[in-house]
Amino acid sequence: RADTVRFEDDPADARGVLSHKANFQRGSYGYLTRVEIAGRTLQESLAKMQAGKLRITFQVPNTAKNRGGFSLYGEKMGRFPVDPTVIFFLAE
């Protein structure tokens, strides 16, 4: 597990302009979120990536208070016109 991020419940207003344009859950938007991986978790992730087995999963735990779902927005939905992106910075 890289990180746990908690979000407010299903925001929607004028900031979700891309969702209005797509005519899908009008005004619904998310949060631009950054997760950094370091230390042992980073080393394990790099080893899996080199073996061709890196998997990134987004999920709502069964124990979460509000398990209503999770939306992952891309460049044509929500508030920010970007697709989910993974960037690796490797320092020597």
PDB file of N, CA and C in Angstrom:
ATOM      1  N   ARG A   1       0.846  -1.174   0.000  1.00  0.00           N
ATOM      2  CA  ARG A   1       0.000   0.000   0.000  1.00  0.00           C
ATOM      3  C   ARG A   1       0.888   1.232   0.000  1.00  0.00           C
ATOM      4  N   ALA A   2       0.657   2.111  -0.962  1.00  0.00           N
ATOM      5  CA  ALA A   2       1.459   3.326  -1.070  1.00  0.00           C
ATOM      6  C   ALA A   2       0.939   4.413  -0.143  1.00  0.00           C
ATOM      7  N   ASP A   3      -0.381   4.591  -0.090  1.00  0.00           N
ATOM      8  CA  ASP A   3      -0.940   5.682   0.699  1.00  0.00           C
ATOM      9  C   ASP A   3      -2.443   5.491   0.832  1.00  0.00           C
ATOM     10  N   THR A   4      -3.026   6.166   1.790  1.00  0.00           N
ATOM     11  CA  THR A   4      -4.469   6.225   1.934  1.00  0.00           C
ATOM     12  C   THR A   4      -4.863   7.686   1.855  1.00  0.00           C
ATOM     13  N   VAL A   5      -5.804   7.999   0.986  1.00  0.00           N
ATOM     14  CA  VAL A   5      -6.260   9.371   0.802  1.00  0.00           C
ATOM     15  C   VAL A   5      -7.755   9.406   1.066  1.00  0.00           C
ATOM     16  N   ARG A   6      -8.189  10.357   1.866  1.00  0.00           N
ATOM     17  CA  ARG A   6      -9.609  10.510   2.157  1.00  0.00           C
ATOM     18  C   ARG A   6     -10.125  11.745   1.423  1.00  0.00           C
ATOM     19  N   PHE A   7     -11.277  11.600   0.770  1.00  0.00           N
ATOM     20  CA  PHE A   7     -11.866  12.692   0.008  1.00  0.00           C
ATOM     21  C   PHE A   7     -13.214  13.078   0.592  1.00  0.00           C
ATOM     22  N   GLU A   8     -13.609  14.326   0.352  1.00  0.00           N
ATOM     23  CA  GLU A   8     -14.956  14.764   0.687  1.00  0.00           C
ATOM     24  C   GLU A   8     -15.918  13.995  -0.210  1.00  0.00           C
ATOM     25  N   ASP A   9     -17.163  13.901   0.193  1.00  0.00           N
ATOM     26  CA  ASP A   9     -18.140  13.090  -0.523  1.00  0.00           C
ATOM     27  C   ASP A   9     -18.684  13.793  -1.767  1.00  0.00           C
ATOM     28  N   ASP A  10     -18.374  13.272  -2.942  1.00  0.00           N
ATOM     29  CA  ASP A  10     -18.968  13.600  -4.231  1.00  0.00           C
ATOM     30  C   ASP A  10     -19.258  15.082  -4.463  1.00  0.00           C
ATOM     31  N   PRO A  11     -18.226  15.926  -4.571  1.00  0.00           N
ATOM     32  CA  PRO A  11     -18.472  17.346  -4.793  1.00  0.00           C
ATOM     33  C   PRO A  11     -19.012  17.603  -6.201  1.00  0.00           C
ATOM     34  N   ALA A  12     -19.865  18.600  -6.309  1.00  0.00           N
ATOM     35  CA  ALA A  12     -20.405  18.985  -7.617  1.00  0.00           C
ATOM     36  C   ALA A  12     -20.824  20.450  -7.568  1.00  0.00           C
ATOM     37  N   ASP A  13     -20.307  21.242  -8.487  1.00  0.00           N
ATOM     38  CA  ASP A  13     -20.700  22.628  -8.692  1.00  0.00           C
ATOM     39  C   ASP A  13     -20.059  23.107  -9.985  1.00  0.00           C
ATOM     40  N   ALA A  14     -19.955  24.401 -10.180  1.00  0.00           N
ATOM     41  CA  ALA A  14     -19.426  24.946 -11.430  1.00  0.00           C
ATOM     42  C   ALA A  14     -17.981  24.533 -11.693  1.00  0.00           C
ATOM     43  N   ARG A  15     -17.230  24.152 -10.661  1.00  0.00           N
ATOM     44  CA  ARG A  15     -15.843  23.725 -10.877  1.00  0.00           C
ATOM     45  C   ARG A  15     -15.757  22.439 -11.696  1.00  0.00           C
ATOM     46  N   GLY A  16     -16.822  21.671 -11.737  1.00  0.00           N
ATOM     47  CA  GLY A  16     -16.851  20.447 -12.532  1.00  0.00           C
ATOM     48  C   GLY A  16     -17.295  20.711 -13.962  1.00  0.00           C
ATOM     49  N   VAL A  17     -16.774  21.771 -14.543  1.00  0.00           N
ATOM     50  CA  VAL A  17     -17.188  22.214 -15.876  1.00  0.00           C
ATOM     51  C   VAL A  17     -17.051  21.121 -16.939  1.00  0.00           C
ATOM     52  N   LEU A  18     -16.044  20.276 -16.858  1.00  0.00           N
ATOM     53  CA  LEU A  18     -15.874  19.228 -17.865  1.00  0.00           C
ATOM     54  C   LEU A  18     -17.002  18.204 -17.795  1.00  0.00           C
ATOM     55  N   SER A  19     -17.512  17.958 -16.601  1.00  0.00           N
ATOM     56  CA  SER A  19     -18.635  17.031 -16.459  1.00  0.00           C
ATOM     57  C   SER A  19     -19.912  17.623 -17.039  1.00  0.00           C
ATOM     58  N   HIS A  20     -20.067  18.955 -16.933  1.00  0.00           N
ATOM     59  CA  HIS A  20     -21.218  19.609 -17.566  1.00  0.00           C
ATOM     60  C   HIS A  20     -21.140  19.419 -19.078  1.00  0.00           C
ATOM     61  N   LYS A  21     -19.965  19.629 -19.622  1.00  0.00           N
ATOM     62  CA  LYS A  21     -19.777  19.512 -21.073  1.00  0.00           C
ATOM     63  C   LYS A  21     -20.060  18.089 -21.554  1.00  0.00           C
ATOM     64  N   ALA A  22     -19.658  17.092 -20.762  1.00  0.00           N
ATOM     65  CA  ALA A  22     -19.868  15.687 -21.138  1.00  0.00           C
ATOM     66  C   ALA A  22     -21.294  15.214 -20.851  1.00  0.00           C
ATOM     67  N   ASN A  23     -22.090  16.084 -20.193  1.00  0.00           N
ATOM     68  CA  ASN A  23     -23.469  15.749 -19.844  1.00  0.00           C
ATOM     69  C   ASN A  23     -23.545  14.481 -18.988  1.00  0.00           C
ATOM     70  N   PHE A  24     -22.630  14.382 -18.027  1.00  0.00           N
ATOM     71  CA  PHE A  24     -22.560  13.234 -17.129  1.00  0.00           C
ATOM     72  C   PHE A  24     -22.444  13.736 -15.706  1.00  0.00           C
ATOM     73  N   GLN A  25     -23.354  13.376 -14.855  1.00  0.00           N
ATOM     74  CA  GLN A  25     -23.353  13.826 -13.465  1.00  0.00           C
ATOM     75  C   GLN A  25     -22.927  15.286 -13.397  1.00  0.00           C
ATOM     76  N   ARG A  26     -23.723  16.130 -13.956  1.00  0.00           N
ATOM     77  CA  ARG A  26     -23.408  17.552 -14.138  1.00  0.00           C
ATOM     78  C   ARG A  26     -22.725  18.186 -12.927  1.00  0.00           C
ATOM     79  N   GLY A  27     -21.579  18.775 -13.197  1.00  0.00           N
ATOM     80  CA  GLY A  27     -20.831  19.493 -12.180  1.00  0.00           C
ATOM     81  C   GLY A  27     -19.989  18.623 -11.271  1.00  0.00           C
ATOM     82  N   SER A  28     -20.083  17.321 -11.409  1.00  0.00           N
ATOM     83  CA  SER A  28     -19.309  16.427 -10.555  1.00  0.00           C
ATOM     84  C   SER A  28     -17.819  16.581 -10.860  1.00  0.00           C
ATOM     85  N   TYR A  29     -17.017  16.697  -9.817  1.00  0.00           N
ATOM     86  CA  TYR A  29     -15.575  16.842 -10.016  1.00  0.00           C
ATOM     87  C   TYR A  29     -14.839  16.152  -8.892  1.00  0.00           C
ATOM     88  N   GLY A  30     -13.559  16.030  -9.040  1.00  0.00           N
ATOM     89  CA  GLY A  30     -12.741  15.389  -8.019  1.00  0.00           C
ATOM     90  C   GLY A  30     -11.630  16.308  -7.555  1.00  0.00           C
ATOM     91  N   TYR A  31     -10.632  15.730  -6.989  1.00  0.00           N
ATOM     92  CA  TYR A  31      -9.510  16.483  -6.431  1.00  0.00           C
ATOM     93  C   TYR A  31      -8.224  16.030  -7.109  1.00  0.00           C
ATOM     94  N   LEU A  32      -7.420  16.983  -7.520  1.00  0.00           N
ATOM     95  CA  LEU A  32      -6.116  16.659  -8.077  1.00  0.00           C
ATOM     96  C   LEU A  32      -5.238  16.226  -6.914  1.00  0.00           C
ATOM     97  N   THR A  33      -4.810  14.980  -6.932  1.00  0.00           N
ATOM     98  CA  THR A  33      -4.150  14.384  -5.781  1.00  0.00           C
ATOM     99  C   THR A  33      -2.787  13.838  -6.163  1.00  0.00           C
ATOM    100  N   ARG A  34      -1.840  14.004  -5.268  1.00  0.00           N
ATOM    101  CA  ARG A  34      -0.484  13.506  -5.501  1.00  0.00           C
ATOM    102  C   ARG A  34      -0.123  12.539  -4.382  1.00  0.00           C
ATOM    103  N   VAL A  35       0.388  11.390  -4.775  1.00  0.00           N
ATOM    104  CA  VAL A  35       0.864  10.402  -3.816  1.00  0.00           C
ATOM    105  C   VAL A  35       2.323  10.127  -4.131  1.00  0.00           C
ATOM    106  N   GLU A  36       3.176  10.267  -3.141  1.00  0.00           N
ATOM    107  CA  GLU A  36       4.598   9.989  -3.337  1.00  0.00           C
ATOM    108  C   GLU A  36       4.944   8.680  -2.637  1.00  0.00           C
ATOM    109  N   ILE A  37       5.764   7.893  -3.303  1.00  0.00           N
ATOM    110  CA  ILE A  37       6.192   6.613  -2.757  1.00  0.00           C
ATOM    111  C   ILE A  37       7.679   6.702  -2.458  1.00  0.00           C
ATOM    112  N   ALA A  38       8.067   6.285  -1.287  1.00  0.00           N
ATOM    113  CA  ALA A  38       9.478   6.359  -0.888  1.00  0.00           C
ATOM    114  C   ALA A  38       9.843   5.133  -0.058  1.00  0.00           C
ATOM    115  N   GLY A  39      11.115   5.023   0.248  1.00  0.00           N
ATOM    116  CA  GLY A  39      11.603   3.984   1.147  1.00  0.00           C
ATOM    117  C   GLY A  39      11.359   2.577   0.643  1.00  0.00           C
ATOM    118  N   ARG A  40      10.978   1.720   1.567  1.00  0.00           N
ATOM    119  CA  ARG A  40      10.791   0.292   1.252  1.00  0.00           C
ATOM    120  C   ARG A  40       9.700   0.070   0.207  1.00  0.00           C
ATOM    121  N   THR A  41       8.609   0.840   0.309  1.00  0.00           N
ATOM    122  CA  THR A  41       7.522   0.698  -0.658  1.00  0.00           C
ATOM    123  C   THR A  41       8.015   1.029  -2.059  1.00  0.00           C
ATOM    124  N   LEU A  42       8.856   2.053  -2.186  1.00  0.00           N
ATOM    125  CA  LEU A  42       9.419   2.402  -3.483  1.00  0.00           C
ATOM    126  C   LEU A  42      10.315   1.287  -4.005  1.00  0.00           C
ATOM    127  N   GLN A  43      11.159   0.746  -3.162  1.00  0.00           N
ATOM    128  CA  GLN A  43      12.056  -0.330  -3.590  1.00  0.00           C
ATOM    129  C   GLN A  43      11.269  -1.554  -4.061  1.00  0.00           C
ATOM    130  N   GLU A  44      10.229  -1.908  -3.324  1.00  0.00           N
ATOM    131  CA  GLU A  44       9.396  -3.049  -3.721  1.00  0.00           C
ATOM    132  C   GLU A  44       8.681  -2.772  -5.045  1.00  0.00           C
ATOM    133  N   SER A  45       8.206  -1.540  -5.222  1.00  0.00           N
ATOM    134  CA  SER A  45       7.518  -1.177  -6.459  1.00  0.00           C
ATOM    135  C   SER A  45       8.461  -1.226  -7.652  1.00  0.00           C
ATOM    136  N   LEU A  46       9.682  -0.744  -7.477  1.00  0.00           N
ATOM    137  CA  LEU A  46      10.664  -0.773  -8.563  1.00  0.00           C
ATOM    138  C   LEU A  46      11.026  -2.206  -8.947  1.00  0.00           C
ATOM    139  N   ALA A  47      11.159  -3.065  -7.958  1.00  0.00           N
ATOM    140  CA  ALA A  47      11.474  -4.466  -8.239  1.00  0.00           C
ATOM    141  C   ALA A  47      10.348  -5.114  -9.047  1.00  0.00           C
ATOM    142  N   LYS A  48       9.104  -4.819  -8.687  1.00  0.00           N
ATOM    143  CA  LYS A  48       7.969  -5.371  -9.423  1.00  0.00           C
ATOM    144  C   LYS A  48       7.904  -4.801 -10.830  1.00  0.00           C
ATOM    145  N   MET A  49       8.210  -3.507 -10.959  1.00  0.00           N
ATOM    146  CA  MET A  49       8.181  -2.885 -12.271  1.00  0.00           C
ATOM    147  C   MET A  49       9.226  -3.518 -13.188  1.00  0.00           C
ATOM    148  N   GLN A  50      10.404  -3.772 -12.665  1.00  0.00           N
ATOM    149  CA  GLN A  50      11.465  -4.385 -13.464  1.00  0.00           C
ATOM    150  C   GLN A  50      11.087  -5.800 -13.876  1.00  0.00           C
ATOM    151  N   ALA A  51      10.277  -6.466 -13.075  1.00  0.00           N
ATOM    152  CA  ALA A  51       9.818  -7.817 -13.404  1.00  0.00           C
ATOM    153  C   ALA A  51       8.555  -7.773 -14.272  1.00  0.00           C
ATOM    154  N   GLY A  52       8.108  -6.565 -14.619  1.00  0.00           N
ATOM    155  CA  GLY A  52       6.923  -6.416 -15.453  1.00  0.00           C
ATOM    156  C   GLY A  52       5.629  -6.680 -14.727  1.00  0.00           C
ATOM    157  N   LYS A  53       5.606  -6.471 -13.414  1.00  0.00           N
ATOM    158  CA  LYS A  53       4.430  -6.838 -12.627  1.00  0.00           C
ATOM    159  C   LYS A  53       3.854  -5.702 -11.787  1.00  0.00           C
ATOM    160  N   LEU A  54       4.191  -4.469 -12.076  1.00  0.00           N
ATOM    161  CA  LEU A  54       3.675  -3.361 -11.271  1.00  0.00           C
ATOM    162  C   LEU A  54       2.184  -3.172 -11.542  1.00  0.00           C
ATOM    163  N   ARG A  55       1.394  -3.139 -10.476  1.00  0.00           N
ATOM    164  CA  ARG A  55      -0.050  -2.944 -10.590  1.00  0.00           C
ATOM    165  C   ARG A  55      -0.452  -1.789  -9.686  1.00  0.00           C
ATOM    166  N   ILE A  56      -1.220  -0.883 -10.244  1.00  0.00           N
ATOM    167  CA  ILE A  56      -1.732   0.250  -9.468  1.00  0.00           C
ATOM    168  C   ILE A  56      -3.234   0.048  -9.328  1.00  0.00           C
ATOM    169  N   THR A  57      -3.715   0.053  -8.105  1.00  0.00           N
ATOM    170  CA  THR A  57      -5.126  -0.196  -7.827  1.00  0.00           C
ATOM    171  C   THR A  57      -5.685   0.943  -6.994  1.00  0.00           C
ATOM    172  N   PHE A  58      -6.852   1.413  -7.358  1.00  0.00           N
ATOM    173  CA  PHE A  58      -7.581   2.410  -6.580  1.00  0.00           C
ATOM    174  C   PHE A  58      -8.807   1.708  -6.032  1.00  0.00           C
ATOM    175  N   GLN A  59      -9.011   1.767  -4.732  1.00  0.00           N
ATOM    176  CA  GLN A  59     -10.173   1.069  -4.180  1.00  0.00           C
ATOM    177  C   GLN A  59     -10.654   1.727  -2.903  1.00  0.00           C
ATOM    178  N   VAL A  60     -11.908   1.471  -2.598  1.00  0.00           N
ATOM    179  CA  VAL A  60     -12.513   1.902  -1.340  1.00  0.00           C
ATOM    180  C   VAL A  60     -12.532   0.683  -0.439  1.00  0.00           C
ATOM    181  N   PRO A  61     -11.849   0.742   0.720  1.00  0.00           N
ATOM    182  CA  PRO A  61     -11.815  -0.423   1.609  1.00  0.00           C
ATOM    183  C   PRO A  61     -13.213  -0.815   2.091  1.00  0.00           C
ATOM    184  N   ASN A  62     -13.428  -2.101   2.296  1.00  0.00           N
ATOM    185  CA  ASN A  62     -14.711  -2.588   2.806  1.00  0.00           C
ATOM    186  C   ASN A  62     -15.044  -2.018   4.170  1.00  0.00           C
ATOM    187  N   THR A  63     -14.032  -1.586   4.901  1.00  0.00           N
ATOM    188  CA  THR A  63     -14.240  -1.051   6.242  1.00  0.00           C
ATOM    189  C   THR A  63     -14.502   0.454   6.242  1.00  0.00           C
ATOM    190  N   ALA A  64     -14.507   1.096   5.069  1.00  0.00           N
ATOM    191  CA  ALA A  64     -14.717   2.545   4.992  1.00  0.00           C
ATOM    192  C   ALA A  64     -16.117   2.908   5.468  1.00  0.00           C
ATOM    193  N   LYS A  65     -16.219   4.051   6.133  1.00  0.00           N
ATOM    194  CA  LYS A  65     -17.504   4.519   6.637  1.00  0.00           C
ATOM    195  C   LYS A  65     -18.485   4.757   5.482  1.00  0.00           C
ATOM    196  N   ASN A  66     -18.001   5.393   4.420  1.00  0.00           N
ATOM    197  CA  ASN A  66     -18.843   5.664   3.260  1.00  0.00           C
ATOM    198  C   ASN A  66     -18.309   4.855   2.081  1.00  0.00           C
ATOM    199  N   ARG A  67     -18.883   3.694   1.849  1.00  0.00           N
ATOM    200  CA  ARG A  67     -18.402   2.807   0.785  1.00  0.00           C
ATOM    201  C   ARG A  67     -19.214   2.968  -0.486  1.00  0.00           C
ATOM    202  N   GLY A  68     -19.742   4.151  -0.740  1.00  0.00           N
ATOM    203  CA  GLY A  68     -20.628   4.365  -1.878  1.00  0.00           C
ATOM    204  C   GLY A  68     -19.971   4.262  -3.236  1.00  0.00           C
ATOM    205  N   GLY A  69     -18.661   4.313  -3.300  1.00  0.00           N
ATOM    206  CA  GLY A  69     -18.005   4.193  -4.595  1.00  0.00           C
ATOM    207  C   GLY A  69     -16.820   5.116  -4.715  1.00  0.00           C
ATOM    208  N   PHE A  70     -16.255   5.111  -5.901  1.00  0.00           N
ATOM    209  CA  PHE A  70     -15.058   5.900  -6.175  1.00  0.00           C
ATOM    210  C   PHE A  70     -15.058   6.235  -7.656  1.00  0.00           C
ATOM    211  N   SER A  71     -14.835   7.491  -7.992  1.00  0.00           N
ATOM    212  CA  SER A  71     -14.749   7.909  -9.390  1.00  0.00           C
ATOM    213  C   SER A  71     -13.350   8.425  -9.663  1.00  0.00           C
ATOM    214  N   LEU A  72     -12.757   7.951 -10.720  1.00  0.00           N
ATOM    215  CA  LEU A  72     -11.435   8.392 -11.152  1.00  0.00           C
ATOM    216  C   LEU A  72     -11.638   9.144 -12.457  1.00  0.00           C
ATOM    217  N   TYR A  73     -11.425  10.451 -12.438  1.00  0.00           N
ATOM    218  CA  TYR A  73     -11.700  11.285 -13.598  1.00  0.00           C
ATOM    219  C   TYR A  73     -10.489  11.387 -14.516  1.00  0.00           C
ATOM    220  N   GLY A  74     -10.759  11.514 -15.803  1.00  0.00           N
ATOM    221  CA  GLY A  74      -9.718  11.707 -16.801  1.00  0.00           C
ATOM    222  C   GLY A  74      -9.802  13.094 -17.395  1.00  0.00           C
ATOM    223  N   GLU A  75      -9.146  13.284 -18.525  1.00  0.00           N
ATOM    224  CA  GLU A  75      -9.012  14.617 -19.096  1.00  0.00           C
ATOM    225  C   GLU A  75     -10.330  15.226 -19.582  1.00  0.00           C
ATOM    226  N   LYS A  76     -11.360  14.424 -19.768  1.00  0.00           N
ATOM    227  CA  LYS A  76     -12.616  14.954 -20.297  1.00  0.00           C
ATOM    228  C   LYS A  76     -13.734  15.003 -19.262  1.00  0.00           C
ATOM    229  N   MET A  77     -13.408  14.754 -17.999  1.00  0.00           N
ATOM    230  CA  MET A  77     -14.422  14.763 -16.946  1.00  0.00           C
ATOM    231  C   MET A  77     -13.894  15.489 -15.724  1.00  0.00           C
ATOM    232  N   GLY A  78     -14.800  15.975 -14.908  1.00  0.00           N
ATOM    233  CA  GLY A  78     -14.405  16.568 -13.640  1.00  0.00           C
ATOM    234  C   GLY A  78     -13.945  18.006 -13.759  1.00  0.00           C
ATOM    235  N   ARG A  79     -12.893  18.319 -13.031  1.00  0.00           N
ATOM    236  CA  ARG A  79     -12.416  19.691 -12.903  1.00  0.00           C
ATOM    237  C   ARG A  79     -11.079  19.934 -13.600  1.00  0.00           C
ATOM    238  N   PHE A  80     -10.226  18.927 -13.633  1.00  0.00           N
ATOM    239  CA  PHE A  80      -8.877  19.083 -14.159  1.00  0.00           C
ATOM    240  C   PHE A  80      -8.719  18.297 -15.460  1.00  0.00           C
ATOM    241  N   PRO A  81      -8.321  18.948 -16.554  1.00  0.00           N
ATOM    242  CA  PRO A  81      -8.223  18.258 -17.843  1.00  0.00           C
ATOM    243  C   PRO A  81      -6.934  17.439 -17.992  1.00  0.00           C
ATOM    244  N   VAL A  82      -6.750  16.472 -17.102  1.00  0.00           N
ATOM    245  CA  VAL A  82      -5.583  15.577 -17.163  1.00  0.00           C
ATOM    246  C   VAL A  82      -6.040  14.150 -16.875  1.00  0.00           C
ATOM    247  N   ASP A  83      -5.400  13.206 -17.534  1.00  0.00           N
ATOM    248  CA  ASP A  83      -5.640  11.800 -17.246  1.00  0.00           C
ATOM    249  C   ASP A  83      -4.828  11.391 -16.023  1.00  0.00           C
ATOM    250  N   PRO A  84      -5.215  10.314 -15.339  1.00  0.00           N
ATOM    251  CA  PRO A  84      -4.371   9.800 -14.256  1.00  0.00           C
ATOM    252  C   PRO A  84      -2.972   9.543 -14.805  1.00  0.00           C
ATOM    253  N   THR A  85      -1.967   9.979 -14.077  1.00  0.00           N
ATOM    254  CA  THR A  85      -0.590   9.931 -14.557  1.00  0.00           C
ATOM    255  C   THR A  85       0.334   9.386 -13.487  1.00  0.00           C
ATOM    256  N   VAL A  86       1.261   8.540 -13.894  1.00  0.00           N
ATOM    257  CA  VAL A  86       2.289   8.033 -12.993  1.00  0.00           C
ATOM    258  C   VAL A  86       3.624   8.570 -13.504  1.00  0.00           C
ATOM    259  N   ILE A  87       4.342   9.247 -12.627  1.00  0.00           N
ATOM    260  CA  ILE A  87       5.651   9.801 -12.984  1.00  0.00           C
ATOM    261  C   ILE A  87       6.691   9.220 -12.040  1.00  0.00           C
ATOM    262  N   PHE A  88       7.750   8.681 -12.590  1.00  0.00           N
ATOM    263  CA  PHE A  88       8.839   8.145 -11.782  1.00  0.00           C
ATOM    264  C   PHE A  88      10.039   9.079 -11.872  1.00  0.00           C
ATOM    265  N   PHE A  89      10.521   9.523 -10.723  1.00  0.00           N
ATOM    266  CA  PHE A  89      11.759  10.279 -10.630  1.00  0.00           C
ATOM    267  C   PHE A  89      12.734   9.415  -9.871  1.00  0.00           C
ATOM    268  N   LEU A  90      13.799   9.015 -10.512  1.00  0.00           N
ATOM    269  CA  LEU A  90      14.787   8.168  -9.865  1.00  0.00           C
ATOM    270  C   LEU A  90      16.052   8.973  -9.632  1.00  0.00           C
ATOM    271  N   ALA A  91      16.479   9.043  -8.399  1.00  0.00           N
ATOM    272  CA  ALA A  91      17.700   9.763  -8.045  1.00  0.00           C
ATOM    273  C   ALA A  91      18.778   8.756  -7.696  1.00  0.00           C
ATOM    274  N   GLU A  92      19.997   9.095  -8.023  1.00  0.00           N
ATOM    275  CA  GLU A  92      21.122   8.190  -7.699  1.00  0.00           C
ATOM    276  C   GLU A  92      21.708   8.553  -6.363  1.00  0.00           C
TER     277      GLU A  92
END
